[in-house]
């Protein structure tokens, strides 16, 4: 597994909302850090969509 992008959120609750949205639309390939980051991995079937979801919910690419 390779991390291909990281999105940082303002707080853990925002990251939780983004993770829920990702699970509703994709089959996996992303993980949440212990803090307020979501990592998109090479196992994600649509990394572009995952990034769009994260950005639409306030995530900033690192």
PDB file of N, CA and C in Angstrom:
ATOM      1  N   UNK A   1       0.838  -1.171   0.000  1.00  0.00           N
ATOM      2  CA  UNK A   1       0.000   0.000   0.000  1.00  0.00           C
ATOM      3  C   UNK A   1       0.885   1.237   0.000  1.00  0.00           C
ATOM      4  N   UNK A   2       0.564   2.160  -0.877  1.00  0.00           N
ATOM      5  CA  UNK A   2       1.278   3.421  -0.981  1.00  0.00           C
ATOM      6  C   UNK A   2       0.292   4.555  -0.765  1.00  0.00           C
ATOM      7  N   UNK A   3       0.654   5.510   0.073  1.00  0.00           N
ATOM      8  CA  UNK A   3      -0.191   6.685   0.270  1.00  0.00           C
ATOM      9  C   UNK A   3       0.053   7.623  -0.905  1.00  0.00           C
ATOM     10  N   UNK A   4      -1.031   7.979  -1.616  1.00  0.00           N
ATOM     11  CA  UNK A   4      -0.868   8.839  -2.781  1.00  0.00           C
ATOM     12  C   UNK A   4      -1.298  10.276  -2.512  1.00  0.00           C
ATOM     13  N   UNK A   5      -2.116  10.504  -1.488  1.00  0.00           N
ATOM     14  CA  UNK A   5      -2.453  11.874  -1.100  1.00  0.00           C
ATOM     15  C   UNK A   5      -2.930  11.893   0.347  1.00  0.00           C
ATOM     16  N   UNK A   6      -2.749  13.050   0.974  1.00  0.00           N
ATOM     17  CA  UNK A   6      -3.137  13.243   2.365  1.00  0.00           C
ATOM     18  C   UNK A   6      -3.967  14.518   2.433  1.00  0.00           C
ATOM     19  N   UNK A   7      -5.088  14.444   3.140  1.00  0.00           N
ATOM     20  CA  UNK A   7      -5.948  15.604   3.342  1.00  0.00           C
ATOM     21  C   UNK A   7      -6.047  15.887   4.834  1.00  0.00           C
ATOM     22  N   UNK A   8      -5.773  17.119   5.198  1.00  0.00           N
ATOM     23  CA  UNK A   8      -5.822  17.541   6.597  1.00  0.00           C
ATOM     24  C   UNK A   8      -7.104  18.334   6.814  1.00  0.00           C
ATOM     25  N   UNK A   9      -7.800  18.016   7.905  1.00  0.00           N
ATOM     26  CA  UNK A   9      -9.049  18.672   8.262  1.00  0.00           C
ATOM     27  C   UNK A   9      -8.849  19.525   9.507  1.00  0.00           C
ATOM     28  N   UNK A  10      -9.765  20.465   9.722  1.00  0.00           N
ATOM     29  CA  UNK A  10      -9.640  21.397  10.847  1.00  0.00           C
ATOM     30  C   UNK A  10      -9.773  20.709  12.197  1.00  0.00           C
ATOM     31  N   UNK A  11     -10.561  19.637  12.242  1.00  0.00           N
ATOM     32  CA  UNK A  11     -10.756  18.917  13.500  1.00  0.00           C
ATOM     33  C   UNK A  11     -11.131  17.465  13.206  1.00  0.00           C
ATOM     34  N   UNK A  12     -11.050  16.614  14.209  1.00  0.00           N
ATOM     35  CA  UNK A  12     -11.368  15.196  14.002  1.00  0.00           C
ATOM     36  C   UNK A  12     -12.806  14.953  13.549  1.00  0.00           C
ATOM     37  N   UNK A  13     -13.733  15.792  13.980  1.00  0.00           N
ATOM     38  CA  UNK A  13     -15.127  15.605  13.591  1.00  0.00           C
ATOM     39  C   UNK A  13     -15.306  15.800  12.084  1.00  0.00           C
ATOM     40  N   UNK A  14     -14.613  16.773  11.512  1.00  0.00           N
ATOM     41  CA  UNK A  14     -14.666  16.994  10.063  1.00  0.00           C
ATOM     42  C   UNK A  14     -14.090  15.801   9.315  1.00  0.00           C
ATOM     43  N   UNK A  15     -13.015  15.248   9.844  1.00  0.00           N
ATOM     44  CA  UNK A  15     -12.411  14.064   9.226  1.00  0.00           C
ATOM     45  C   UNK A  15     -13.372  12.882   9.298  1.00  0.00           C
ATOM     46  N   UNK A  16     -14.093  12.749  10.406  1.00  0.00           N
ATOM     47  CA  UNK A  16     -15.093  11.683  10.535  1.00  0.00           C
ATOM     48  C   UNK A  16     -16.183  11.817   9.473  1.00  0.00           C
ATOM     49  N   UNK A  17     -16.666  13.045   9.250  1.00  0.00           N
ATOM     50  CA  UNK A  17     -17.703  13.272   8.240  1.00  0.00           C
ATOM     51  C   UNK A  17     -17.193  12.908   6.851  1.00  0.00           C
ATOM     52  N   UNK A  18     -15.968  13.282   6.557  1.00  0.00           N
ATOM     53  CA  UNK A  18     -15.395  12.966   5.249  1.00  0.00           C
ATOM     54  C   UNK A  18     -15.233  11.458   5.086  1.00  0.00           C
ATOM     55  N   UNK A  19     -14.803  10.787   6.129  1.00  0.00           N
ATOM     56  CA  UNK A  19     -14.630   9.333   6.058  1.00  0.00           C
ATOM     57  C   UNK A  19     -15.966   8.645   5.792  1.00  0.00           C
ATOM     58  N   UNK A  20     -17.023   9.106   6.442  1.00  0.00           N
ATOM     59  CA  UNK A  20     -18.353   8.548   6.196  1.00  0.00           C
ATOM     60  C   UNK A  20     -18.775   8.763   4.740  1.00  0.00           C
ATOM     61  N   UNK A  21     -18.519   9.955   4.219  1.00  0.00           N
ATOM     62  CA  UNK A  21     -18.863  10.245   2.822  1.00  0.00           C
ATOM     63  C   UNK A  21     -18.067   9.365   1.867  1.00  0.00           C
ATOM     64  N   UNK A  22     -16.810   9.139   2.174  1.00  0.00           N
ATOM     65  CA  UNK A  22     -15.986   8.271   1.331  1.00  0.00           C
ATOM     66  C   UNK A  22     -16.536   6.851   1.322  1.00  0.00           C
ATOM     67  N   UNK A  23     -16.918   6.336   2.494  1.00  0.00           N
ATOM     68  CA  UNK A  23     -17.448   4.978   2.568  1.00  0.00           C
ATOM     69  C   UNK A  23     -18.773   4.841   1.828  1.00  0.00           C
ATOM     70  N   UNK A  24     -19.557   5.918   1.775  1.00  0.00           N
ATOM     71  CA  UNK A  24     -20.835   5.851   1.053  1.00  0.00           C
ATOM     72  C   UNK A  24     -20.621   5.735  -0.455  1.00  0.00           C
ATOM     73  N   UNK A  25     -19.508   6.279  -0.963  1.00  0.00           N
ATOM     74  CA  UNK A  25     -19.323   6.349  -2.412  1.00  0.00           C
ATOM     75  C   UNK A  25     -18.233   5.431  -2.963  1.00  0.00           C
ATOM     76  N   UNK A  26     -17.326   4.995  -2.116  1.00  0.00           N
ATOM     77  CA  UNK A  26     -16.199   4.174  -2.576  1.00  0.00           C
ATOM     78  C   UNK A  26     -16.088   2.902  -1.744  1.00  0.00           C
ATOM     79  N   UNK A  27     -15.300   1.959  -2.236  1.00  0.00           N
ATOM     80  CA  UNK A  27     -15.171   0.658  -1.581  1.00  0.00           C
ATOM     81  C   UNK A  27     -13.960   0.540  -0.671  1.00  0.00           C
ATOM     82  N   UNK A  28     -13.213   1.578  -0.501  1.00  0.00           N
ATOM     83  CA  UNK A  28     -12.039   1.528   0.356  1.00  0.00           C
ATOM     84  C   UNK A  28     -10.855   2.181  -0.323  1.00  0.00           C
ATOM     85  N   UNK A  29      -9.690   1.994   0.270  1.00  0.00           N
ATOM     86  CA  UNK A  29      -8.487   2.594  -0.276  1.00  0.00           C
ATOM     87  C   UNK A  29      -8.162   3.918   0.394  1.00  0.00           C
ATOM     88  N   UNK A  30      -8.696   4.110   1.587  1.00  0.00           N
ATOM     89  CA  UNK A  30      -8.422   5.318   2.350  1.00  0.00           C
ATOM     90  C   UNK A  30      -8.405   4.953   3.826  1.00  0.00           C
ATOM     91  N   UNK A  31      -7.677   5.736   4.589  1.00  0.00           N
ATOM     92  CA  UNK A  31      -7.554   5.503   6.027  1.00  0.00           C
ATOM     93  C   UNK A  31      -7.575   6.832   6.747  1.00  0.00           C
ATOM     94  N   UNK A  32      -7.932   6.780   7.996  1.00  0.00           N
ATOM     95  CA  UNK A  32      -7.931   7.978   8.824  1.00  0.00           C
ATOM     96  C   UNK A  32      -6.795   7.875   9.817  1.00  0.00           C
ATOM     97  N   UNK A  33      -6.086   8.977   9.997  1.00  0.00           N
ATOM     98  CA  UNK A  33      -5.012   8.998  10.991  1.00  0.00           C
ATOM     99  C   UNK A  33      -5.642   9.116  12.370  1.00  0.00           C
ATOM    100  N   UNK A  34      -4.813   9.068  13.393  1.00  0.00           N
ATOM    101  CA  UNK A  34      -5.308   9.232  14.752  1.00  0.00           C
ATOM    102  C   UNK A  34      -5.788  10.656  14.989  1.00  0.00           C
ATOM    103  N   UNK A  35      -5.365  11.578  14.155  1.00  0.00           N
ATOM    104  CA  UNK A  35      -5.759  12.976  14.294  1.00  0.00           C
ATOM    105  C   UNK A  35      -6.842  13.346  13.320  1.00  0.00           C
ATOM    106  N   UNK A  36      -6.592  14.373  12.533  1.00  0.00           N
ATOM    107  CA  UNK A  36      -7.603  14.896  11.611  1.00  0.00           C
ATOM    108  C   UNK A  36      -7.125  14.819  10.164  1.00  0.00           C
ATOM    109  N   UNK A  37      -6.530  13.689   9.787  1.00  0.00           N
ATOM    110  CA  UNK A  37      -6.065  13.493   8.420  1.00  0.00           C
ATOM    111  C   UNK A  37      -6.701  12.250   7.822  1.00  0.00           C
ATOM    112  N   UNK A  38      -6.902  12.300   6.519  1.00  0.00           N
ATOM    113  CA  UNK A  38      -7.331  11.120   5.767  1.00  0.00           C
ATOM    114  C   UNK A  38      -6.290  10.865   4.693  1.00  0.00           C
ATOM    115  N   UNK A  39      -5.871   9.613   4.603  1.00  0.00           N
ATOM    116  CA  UNK A  39      -4.865   9.210   3.634  1.00  0.00           C
ATOM    117  C   UNK A  39      -5.554   8.429   2.527  1.00  0.00           C
ATOM    118  N   UNK A  40      -5.336   8.837   1.287  1.00  0.00           N
ATOM    119  CA  UNK A  40      -5.841   8.108   0.124  1.00  0.00           C
ATOM    120  C   UNK A  40      -4.697   7.206  -0.342  1.00  0.00           C
ATOM    121  N   UNK A  41      -4.977   5.912  -0.472  1.00  0.00           N
ATOM    122  CA  UNK A  41      -3.918   4.962  -0.809  1.00  0.00           C
ATOM    123  C   UNK A  41      -4.060   4.475  -2.254  1.00  0.00           C
ATOM    124  N   UNK A  42      -3.053   3.755  -2.676  1.00  0.00           N
ATOM    125  CA  UNK A  42      -3.043   3.205  -4.035  1.00  0.00           C
ATOM    126  C   UNK A  42      -4.137   2.161  -4.244  1.00  0.00           C
ATOM    127  N   UNK A  43      -4.764   1.681  -3.187  1.00  0.00           N
ATOM    128  CA  UNK A  43      -5.855   0.710  -3.313  1.00  0.00           C
ATOM    129  C   UNK A  43      -7.197   1.367  -3.624  1.00  0.00           C
ATOM    130  N   UNK A  44      -7.262   2.688  -3.595  1.00  0.00           N
ATOM    131  CA  UNK A  44      -8.504   3.408  -3.876  1.00  0.00           C
ATOM    132  C   UNK A  44      -8.829   3.279  -5.366  1.00  0.00           C
ATOM    133  N   UNK A  45     -10.056   2.881  -5.683  1.00  0.00           N
ATOM    134  CA  UNK A  45     -10.422   2.681  -7.082  1.00  0.00           C
ATOM    135  C   UNK A  45     -10.684   3.990  -7.822  1.00  0.00           C
ATOM    136  N   UNK A  46     -10.886   5.103  -7.102  1.00  0.00           N
ATOM    137  CA  UNK A  46     -11.086   6.392  -7.757  1.00  0.00           C
ATOM    138  C   UNK A  46     -10.499   7.487  -6.857  1.00  0.00           C
ATOM    139  N   UNK A  47      -9.190   7.648  -6.936  1.00  0.00           N
ATOM    140  CA  UNK A  47      -8.497   8.612  -6.082  1.00  0.00           C
ATOM    141  C   UNK A  47      -8.935  10.039  -6.375  1.00  0.00           C
ATOM    142  N   UNK A  48      -9.270  10.327  -7.627  1.00  0.00           N
ATOM    143  CA  UNK A  48      -9.736  11.674  -7.973  1.00  0.00           C
ATOM    144  C   UNK A  48     -11.033  11.993  -7.231  1.00  0.00           C
ATOM    145  N   UNK A  49     -11.997  11.093  -7.273  1.00  0.00           N
ATOM    146  CA  UNK A  49     -13.260  11.294  -6.578  1.00  0.00           C
ATOM    147  C   UNK A  49     -13.032  11.413  -5.073  1.00  0.00           C
ATOM    148  N   UNK A  50     -12.178  10.575  -4.529  1.00  0.00           N
ATOM    149  CA  UNK A  50     -11.879  10.645  -3.093  1.00  0.00           C
ATOM    150  C   UNK A  50     -11.324  12.022  -2.729  1.00  0.00           C
ATOM    151  N   UNK A  51     -10.441  12.543  -3.549  1.00  0.00           N
ATOM    152  CA  UNK A  51      -9.889  13.870  -3.308  1.00  0.00           C
ATOM    153  C   UNK A  51     -10.948  14.952  -3.400  1.00  0.00           C
ATOM    154  N   UNK A  52     -11.841  14.836  -4.366  1.00  0.00           N
ATOM    155  CA  UNK A  52     -12.924  15.811  -4.518  1.00  0.00           C
ATOM    156  C   UNK A  52     -13.843  15.793  -3.292  1.00  0.00           C
ATOM    157  N   UNK A  53     -14.132  14.608  -2.795  1.00  0.00           N
ATOM    158  CA  UNK A  53     -14.976  14.481  -1.604  1.00  0.00           C
ATOM    159  C   UNK A  53     -14.298  15.140  -0.415  1.00  0.00           C
ATOM    160  N   UNK A  54     -13.023  14.850  -0.227  1.00  0.00           N
ATOM    161  CA  UNK A  54     -12.297  15.433   0.905  1.00  0.00           C
ATOM    162  C   UNK A  54     -12.259  16.956   0.808  1.00  0.00           C
ATOM    163  N   UNK A  55     -11.990  17.469  -0.364  1.00  0.00           N
ATOM    164  CA  UNK A  55     -11.920  18.926  -0.542  1.00  0.00           C
ATOM    165  C   UNK A  55     -13.281  19.577  -0.334  1.00  0.00           C
ATOM    166  N   UNK A  56     -14.334  18.925  -0.797  1.00  0.00           N
ATOM    167  CA  UNK A  56     -15.668  19.508  -0.655  1.00  0.00           C
ATOM    168  C   UNK A  56     -16.109  19.581   0.800  1.00  0.00           C
ATOM    169  N   UNK A  57     -15.492  18.753   1.647  1.00  0.00           N
ATOM    170  CA  UNK A  57     -15.845  18.739   3.058  1.00  0.00           C
ATOM    171  C   UNK A  57     -14.810  19.450   3.925  1.00  0.00           C
ATOM    172  N   UNK A  58     -13.973  20.263   3.286  1.00  0.00           N
ATOM    173  CA  UNK A  58     -13.038  21.114   4.039  1.00  0.00           C
ATOM    174  C   UNK A  58     -11.629  20.594   4.172  1.00  0.00           C
ATOM    175  N   UNK A  59     -11.306  19.486   3.554  1.00  0.00           N
ATOM    176  CA  UNK A  59      -9.946  18.954   3.625  1.00  0.00           C
ATOM    177  C   UNK A  59      -8.996  19.733   2.724  1.00  0.00           C
ATOM    178  N   UNK A  60      -7.795  19.912   3.214  1.00  0.00           N
ATOM    179  CA  UNK A  60      -6.758  20.578   2.432  1.00  0.00           C
ATOM    180  C   UNK A  60      -5.664  19.580   2.130  1.00  0.00           C
ATOM    181  N   UNK A  61      -5.287  19.493   0.858  1.00  0.00           N
ATOM    182  CA  UNK A  61      -4.213  18.573   0.454  1.00  0.00           C
ATOM    183  C   UNK A  61      -2.910  19.017   1.089  1.00  0.00           C
ATOM    184  N   UNK A  62      -2.168  18.045   1.583  1.00  0.00           N
ATOM    185  CA  UNK A  62      -0.864  18.329   2.190  1.00  0.00           C
ATOM    186  C   UNK A  62       0.217  18.158   1.187  1.00  0.00           C
TER     187      UNK A  62
END
